[in-house]
Protein backbone atom coordinates (compact mmCIF):
# COMPACT_ATOMS: atom_id res chain seq x y z
CA MET A 1 -0.27 0.20 0.21
CA GLN A 2 1.35 3.64 -0.75
CA THR A 3 2.16 5.80 1.65
CA VAL A 4 1.43 9.83 1.15
CA ARG A 5 4.05 11.49 4.11
CA ILE A 6 2.60 15.13 4.51
CA GLY A 7 4.65 17.48 5.68
CA THR A 8 4.25 20.02 9.03
CA ARG A 9 5.54 22.09 11.35
CA GLU A 10 6.01 19.77 15.00
CA SER A 11 3.75 22.45 16.98
CA ARG A 12 0.82 21.10 18.06
CA LEU A 13 -1.84 23.16 16.28
CA ALA A 14 0.25 22.48 13.11
CA VAL A 15 -0.60 18.57 13.35
CA ILE A 16 -3.92 18.46 14.11
CA GLN A 17 -3.92 20.41 11.07
CA ALA A 18 -2.57 18.07 8.82
CA GLU A 19 -4.16 15.36 10.26
CA PHE A 20 -7.37 16.52 8.59
CA LEU A 21 -5.90 15.74 5.79
CA ALA A 22 -4.74 12.68 6.79
CA ASP A 23 -7.69 11.17 7.97
CA TYR A 24 -9.23 12.51 4.63
CA ILE A 25 -6.59 9.97 2.97
CA ARG A 26 -7.67 7.17 5.87
CA SER A 27 -11.56 7.75 5.12
CA SER A 28 -11.52 8.59 1.83
CA CYS A 29 -8.00 6.62 -0.54
CA GLN A 30 -8.54 3.38 0.60
CA GLN A 31 -5.69 2.42 -1.16
CA LEU A 32 -3.42 5.05 0.30
CA GLN A 33 -2.09 5.11 3.74
CA ALA A 34 -0.94 8.69 5.36
CA GLU A 35 1.56 9.27 7.66
CA LEU A 36 2.98 13.29 9.36
CA VAL A 37 6.69 13.70 8.67
CA THR A 38 7.13 16.70 11.15
CA MET A 39 9.97 19.33 11.54
CA LYS A 40 11.23 22.60 13.33
CA THR A 41 11.17 25.22 11.18
CA THR A 42 13.17 28.54 11.22
CA GLY A 43 11.13 30.48 12.14
CA ASP A 44 9.85 28.58 14.98
CA LYS A 45 13.55 28.58 16.14
CA ILE A 46 13.99 31.69 16.34
CA LEU A 47 11.75 33.28 19.00
CA ASP A 48 13.50 36.36 20.19
CA GLN A 49 12.97 38.93 17.39
CA LYS A 50 10.09 39.98 15.05
CA LEU A 51 8.90 37.96 12.29
CA ASP A 52 9.97 40.52 9.87
CA GLU A 53 13.21 41.65 11.16
CA ILE A 54 14.24 37.94 10.25
CA GLY A 55 12.67 36.70 6.46
CA GLY A 56 8.78 37.11 6.97
CA LYS A 57 6.38 34.13 6.23
CA GLY A 58 8.90 32.48 4.58
CA LEU A 59 11.03 30.50 7.76
CA PHE A 60 7.37 29.11 8.12
CA VAL A 61 8.11 26.93 4.52
CA LYS A 62 11.70 26.70 4.02
CA GLU A 63 12.13 23.24 5.32
CA LEU A 64 8.73 22.22 4.23
CA ASP A 65 9.84 23.41 0.85
CA ARG A 66 13.02 21.01 0.84
CA ALA A 67 11.59 18.52 2.08
CA LEU A 68 9.51 18.77 -0.92
CA ARG A 69 11.98 18.87 -3.25
CA GLU A 70 14.37 16.19 -1.85
CA GLY A 71 11.44 14.05 -1.79
CA SER A 72 11.28 13.35 2.11
CA SER A 73 7.43 14.55 2.31
CA ASP A 74 4.76 14.21 -0.53
CA VAL A 75 2.89 16.80 0.88
CA SER A 76 2.61 20.22 2.95
CA VAL A 77 -0.15 21.45 4.50
CA HIS A 78 0.24 24.97 5.69
CA SER A 79 -1.89 27.88 7.52
CA LEU A 80 -2.69 29.80 3.94
CA LYS A 81 -1.98 33.17 5.93
CA ASP A 82 1.63 32.02 6.71
CA VAL A 83 2.18 30.94 2.90
CA PRO A 84 4.08 33.85 1.42
CA ALA A 85 2.66 35.80 -1.37
CA GLN A 86 5.01 34.40 -3.93
CA ILE A 87 5.93 30.38 -4.06
CA PRO A 88 8.02 28.54 -5.97
CA GLU A 89 6.85 27.38 -9.58
CA ASP A 90 8.08 24.03 -8.78
CA LEU A 91 6.62 23.67 -5.47
CA PRO A 92 2.67 24.91 -6.59
CA LEU A 93 -0.47 25.02 -3.71
CA LEU A 94 -3.14 22.41 -4.98
CA GLY A 95 -6.08 23.07 -3.11
CA PHE A 96 -7.59 24.64 -0.01
CA SER A 97 -9.98 23.43 2.70
CA ARG A 98 -12.83 24.49 4.07
CA ARG A 99 -12.40 27.68 6.09
CA GLU A 100 -12.43 27.53 10.12
CA ASP A 101 -13.99 31.05 11.92
CA VAL A 102 -12.16 33.80 10.12
CA ARG A 103 -12.35 36.44 13.04
CA ASP A 104 -9.85 37.64 15.26
CA VAL A 105 -10.54 36.94 19.33
CA LEU A 106 -9.29 38.26 22.25
CA VAL A 107 -7.68 36.41 25.34
CA LEU A 108 -7.31 37.07 29.07
CA PRO A 109 -5.12 35.80 31.87
CA GLU A 110 -7.24 32.90 33.41
CA HIS A 111 -9.88 33.90 35.66
CA THR A 112 -9.41 37.47 34.68
CA SER A 113 -12.65 39.63 32.13
CA LEU A 114 -10.91 43.30 32.00
CA LEU A 115 -7.72 43.71 30.37
CA ASN A 116 -5.00 44.98 32.60
CA PRO A 117 -4.01 48.98 31.28
CA GLY A 118 -1.17 48.18 33.06
CA LEU A 119 0.82 45.49 31.20
CA PRO A 120 0.79 45.14 27.07
CA LEU A 121 -2.11 43.73 24.71
CA GLY A 122 0.00 40.89 22.56
CA CYS A 123 -0.46 40.38 19.55
CA SER A 124 2.10 38.84 16.30
CA SER A 125 1.65 41.35 12.98
CA ALA A 126 1.67 44.94 11.91
CA ARG A 127 -1.78 44.29 10.84
CA ARG A 128 -3.31 43.47 13.79
CA THR A 129 -1.16 46.12 15.88
CA ILE A 130 -2.56 48.48 13.55
CA GLN A 131 -6.01 47.78 14.00
CA LEU A 132 -5.64 47.67 17.96
CA LYS A 133 -4.59 50.90 18.53
CA LYS A 134 -7.50 52.58 16.64
CA LEU A 135 -9.94 49.85 19.33
CA PHE A 136 -7.60 50.49 22.45
CA PRO A 137 -5.94 53.40 22.18
CA LYS A 138 -4.75 53.79 25.65
CA MET A 139 -2.98 50.22 25.45
CA GLU A 140 0.46 49.68 25.12
CA ILE A 141 0.68 46.39 21.95
CA LYS A 142 3.55 44.58 22.05
CA SER A 143 4.89 41.41 20.04
CA ILE A 144 4.26 38.43 20.72
CA ARG A 145 6.08 35.38 18.88
CA GLY A 146 5.86 31.33 19.87
CA ASN A 147 3.30 29.09 19.07
CA VAL A 148 -0.49 29.41 20.37
CA LEU A 149 -0.08 27.07 23.56
CA THR A 150 3.39 29.22 24.25
CA ARG A 151 1.73 32.43 23.58
CA LEU A 152 -0.55 31.90 26.45
CA GLU A 153 1.44 30.10 28.57
CA LYS A 154 3.67 33.73 28.96
CA LEU A 155 -0.27 35.23 29.15
CA ASP A 156 -0.97 33.02 31.88
CA GLN A 157 2.27 34.16 33.25
CA GLY A 158 1.54 37.75 33.60
CA GLN A 159 3.49 39.25 30.84
CA TYR A 160 0.58 40.24 29.05
CA SER A 161 -2.77 41.55 29.69
CA GLY A 162 -4.17 40.37 26.77
CA LEU A 163 -3.93 38.47 24.09
CA VAL A 164 -4.93 39.22 20.23
CA LEU A 165 -4.68 35.62 18.44
CA ALA A 166 -6.86 33.66 14.66
CA ALA A 167 -10.73 32.49 16.31
CA ALA A 168 -9.44 29.10 13.79
CA GLY A 169 -6.29 28.11 15.74
CA LEU A 170 -7.98 28.36 19.59
CA LYS A 171 -10.66 25.97 17.92
CA ARG A 172 -8.58 23.45 16.23
CA LEU A 173 -6.71 23.12 19.48
CA GLY A 174 -10.20 22.64 22.31
CA LEU A 175 -9.37 26.05 23.43
CA ALA A 176 -12.21 28.18 22.57
CA ARG A 177 -13.25 28.67 26.44
CA ARG A 178 -10.55 30.61 26.52
CA ILE A 179 -12.05 33.29 24.39
CA SER A 180 -12.78 36.35 25.95
CA ARG A 181 -14.02 38.66 23.09
CA TYR A 182 -14.76 38.02 18.96
CA PHE A 183 -13.57 40.95 16.82
CA SER A 184 -16.18 41.49 14.11
CA ILE A 185 -14.30 41.88 10.89
CA GLU A 186 -15.01 45.14 10.35
CA GLU A 187 -12.94 45.78 14.24
CA ILE A 188 -10.53 43.81 12.77
CA LEU A 189 -9.68 42.57 8.94
CA PRO A 190 -7.88 39.14 9.05
CA ALA A 191 -5.43 38.47 7.65
CA ALA A 192 -5.20 36.76 3.82
CA GLY A 193 -6.17 33.49 3.89
CA GLN A 194 -7.05 33.38 8.25
CA GLY A 195 -8.65 30.01 8.87
CA ILE A 196 -8.30 28.36 5.19
CA LEU A 197 -5.53 25.84 5.06
CA ALA A 198 -3.47 25.61 2.12
CA VAL A 199 -2.25 22.08 0.42
CA GLN A 200 1.83 22.54 -1.45
CA GLY A 201 2.74 19.74 -3.26
CA ARG A 202 5.33 18.79 -6.65
CA ARG A 203 4.67 20.06 -9.93
CA GLY A 204 3.48 17.32 -12.60
CA GLU A 205 2.70 14.59 -10.55
CA ASP A 206 -0.69 13.44 -9.74
CA TYR A 207 -2.97 14.52 -7.09
CA GLY A 208 -6.14 13.64 -8.14
CA TYR A 209 -6.63 11.73 -4.89
CA LEU A 210 -6.73 15.43 -2.90
CA LYS A 211 -9.35 16.40 -4.74
CA GLY A 212 -12.72 16.21 -2.37
CA PHE A 213 -10.65 17.87 0.52
CA PHE A 214 -10.24 21.29 -1.37
CA ASP A 215 -13.71 23.47 -0.36
CA PRO A 216 -14.80 25.59 -3.89
CA ASP A 217 -15.61 28.73 -1.99
CA SER A 218 -12.19 28.69 0.34
CA THR A 219 -10.81 28.69 -2.86
CA CYS A 220 -12.28 31.22 -4.89
CA CYS A 221 -11.78 32.86 -1.26
CA ALA A 222 -8.11 32.26 -1.06
CA LEU A 223 -7.42 33.96 -4.35
CA ALA A 224 -8.97 36.73 -4.44
CA GLU A 225 -6.82 37.48 -1.58
CA ARG A 226 -3.58 36.00 -2.43
CA SER A 227 -3.86 37.94 -5.73
CA TYR A 228 -4.99 41.32 -3.62
CA ILE A 229 -1.39 40.61 -1.16
CA ARG A 230 0.26 40.13 -4.65
CA THR A 231 -0.52 42.77 -6.32
CA LEU A 232 0.70 44.96 -3.24
CA ASP A 233 3.81 43.38 -2.36
CA GLY A 234 2.36 42.07 0.93
CA GLY A 235 4.67 40.54 3.32
CA CYS A 236 4.87 39.32 6.83
CA SER A 237 6.06 43.42 7.48
CA SER A 238 3.34 45.53 5.68
CA PRO A 239 -0.30 46.28 7.40
CA ILE A 240 -2.00 44.61 5.08
CA ALA A 241 -5.55 42.89 5.57
CA ALA A 242 -8.10 40.96 2.93
CA TYR A 243 -11.11 38.96 2.86
CA ALA A 244 -13.50 37.99 0.71
CA GLN A 245 -17.25 35.88 1.21
CA ILE A 246 -19.49 34.87 -1.44
CA ILE A 247 -22.89 37.36 -0.87
CA SER A 248 -26.25 37.08 -2.09
CA GLY A 249 -26.63 36.38 -5.79
CA GLY A 250 -23.19 34.04 -5.88
CA LYS A 251 -21.09 37.71 -6.37
CA LEU A 252 -17.75 37.66 -4.30
CA LYS A 253 -16.73 40.30 -2.14
CA VAL A 254 -14.24 42.04 -1.88
CA THR A 255 -12.37 44.03 1.29
CA GLY A 256 -9.02 45.14 1.81
CA LEU A 257 -6.88 46.91 4.27
CA TYR A 258 -3.76 48.66 3.37
CA ALA A 259 -1.48 50.99 5.38
CA ARG A 260 2.46 52.76 4.23
CA GLU A 261 4.98 50.89 6.84
CA ASN A 262 5.85 52.77 9.35
CA SER A 263 1.90 54.66 9.16
CA GLN A 264 -0.77 54.23 11.53
CA LYS A 265 -2.75 55.45 9.14
CA TYR A 266 -4.92 52.91 7.46
CA GLN A 267 -7.71 52.61 4.59
CA VAL A 268 -9.96 49.99 4.00
CA ASP A 269 -12.16 49.66 0.81
CA MET A 270 -13.98 46.59 -1.25
CA VAL A 271 -15.06 45.44 -4.61
CA ILE A 272 -17.71 43.28 -5.52
CA GLY A 273 -18.01 41.08 -8.12
CA GLY A 274 -19.00 37.30 -10.02
CA ARG A 275 -17.19 34.64 -8.19
CA GLU A 276 -15.09 33.67 -11.99
CA GLU A 277 -13.15 36.57 -11.47
CA ALA A 278 -11.57 36.01 -8.26
CA GLU A 279 -7.86 37.03 -8.88
CA ILE A 280 -8.47 40.08 -11.39
CA LEU A 281 -11.22 41.14 -8.01
CA GLY A 282 -8.37 40.98 -5.83
CA ARG A 283 -5.52 42.65 -8.22
CA GLU A 284 -8.54 45.37 -8.87
CA LEU A 285 -9.04 46.15 -5.72
CA ALA A 286 -5.29 46.66 -4.39
CA ARG A 287 -4.92 48.63 -7.94
CA LYS A 288 -7.77 51.11 -6.52
CA MET A 289 -6.14 50.72 -2.68
CA LYS A 290 -2.57 51.73 -4.35
CA ARG A 291 -4.11 54.91 -6.34
CA GLN A 292 -5.71 55.78 -3.11
CA MET A 293 -2.43 56.37 -1.00
CA ALA A 294 -0.93 57.81 -3.98
CA ASP A 295 -3.84 60.48 -4.04
C-alpha cells in the first residue's frame, strides 16, 4: 500500500491541521495510507525577534519546501496566512480546505474578565497592531512570538494583559473556552487566508486523490485574497489585510486594508464581482487602493 507523507511544522496546532488531511486520505483513499513528517522550521526556532526582521513568512515554509524537493515528503500542509505571497513554480499550491472561523479574538489571563491597563496587549503582526491601536488607543501593543500554547503560557504568567489571536487556531486546538471576545470583521480585518489550510505539492505529479478535501468557496476566496496581497507585494511586515466572502447572488465581495509602513493611518475598501473573477478582483482592489494612497 502506498504511503502519502505529509510534511508539517511540529507545533501542536500544525500537527492537528495536518491530521485533517491525513484523516481524509485514510477515509477516502483506501489504496493509500498517510503519515506525518514533522519538522521545526527556522521561524519556529528564532523567537526573540520580530518575524519581519528575520525574513518574514518564508521562514515557516523553507524546511517544508526542501523536504518536498528532496522527496522526504509528498505534500505539505500550511496555514494559508503563513504562506508567502510568492511561491516557487515547482511547488504549487494544490488546493484549499474549508474555512474555519475567520475572526480574530481577545484572550485574557485565566480567571480574569478585564484588560489590565498596566500590562501590554500582545499580538504578532503589523496588521493587528495598526487596527488594535484604533480600538485600544490607551493600551501598549507589544509583539509576541511563539506558537499558540507558548503565547498562552506567557499570558497566564502575567507578562501580558491579553492576547489577540486567530479564532481558527484556538478552535482547532480545543481552546475556544479561552476566547473572551470575538472581534467583528469591521473591527479587525483578518489576514489573507486566515482560517484556511493550504496543501502544497510538486509540479507535474498527480494529486487527484486530494480533490474531495478542497472546498470551492474557500478556493475562490483564497485566490482573491492572495491576488490582493501579491499585487501589493504584501509580506509579513506590511500592514495589509484581506477578506473575501461569497454574498447573495453568488457574487464575491473582497475587502482590503492597506497602510504605508511606519504609518498608523490605513484605509479600507472593497470590490464586488463574479466569483469566477476572484484573482482579477483581488488585483483590481489592490490597484484601486494603491491609487488612493498615492493621492
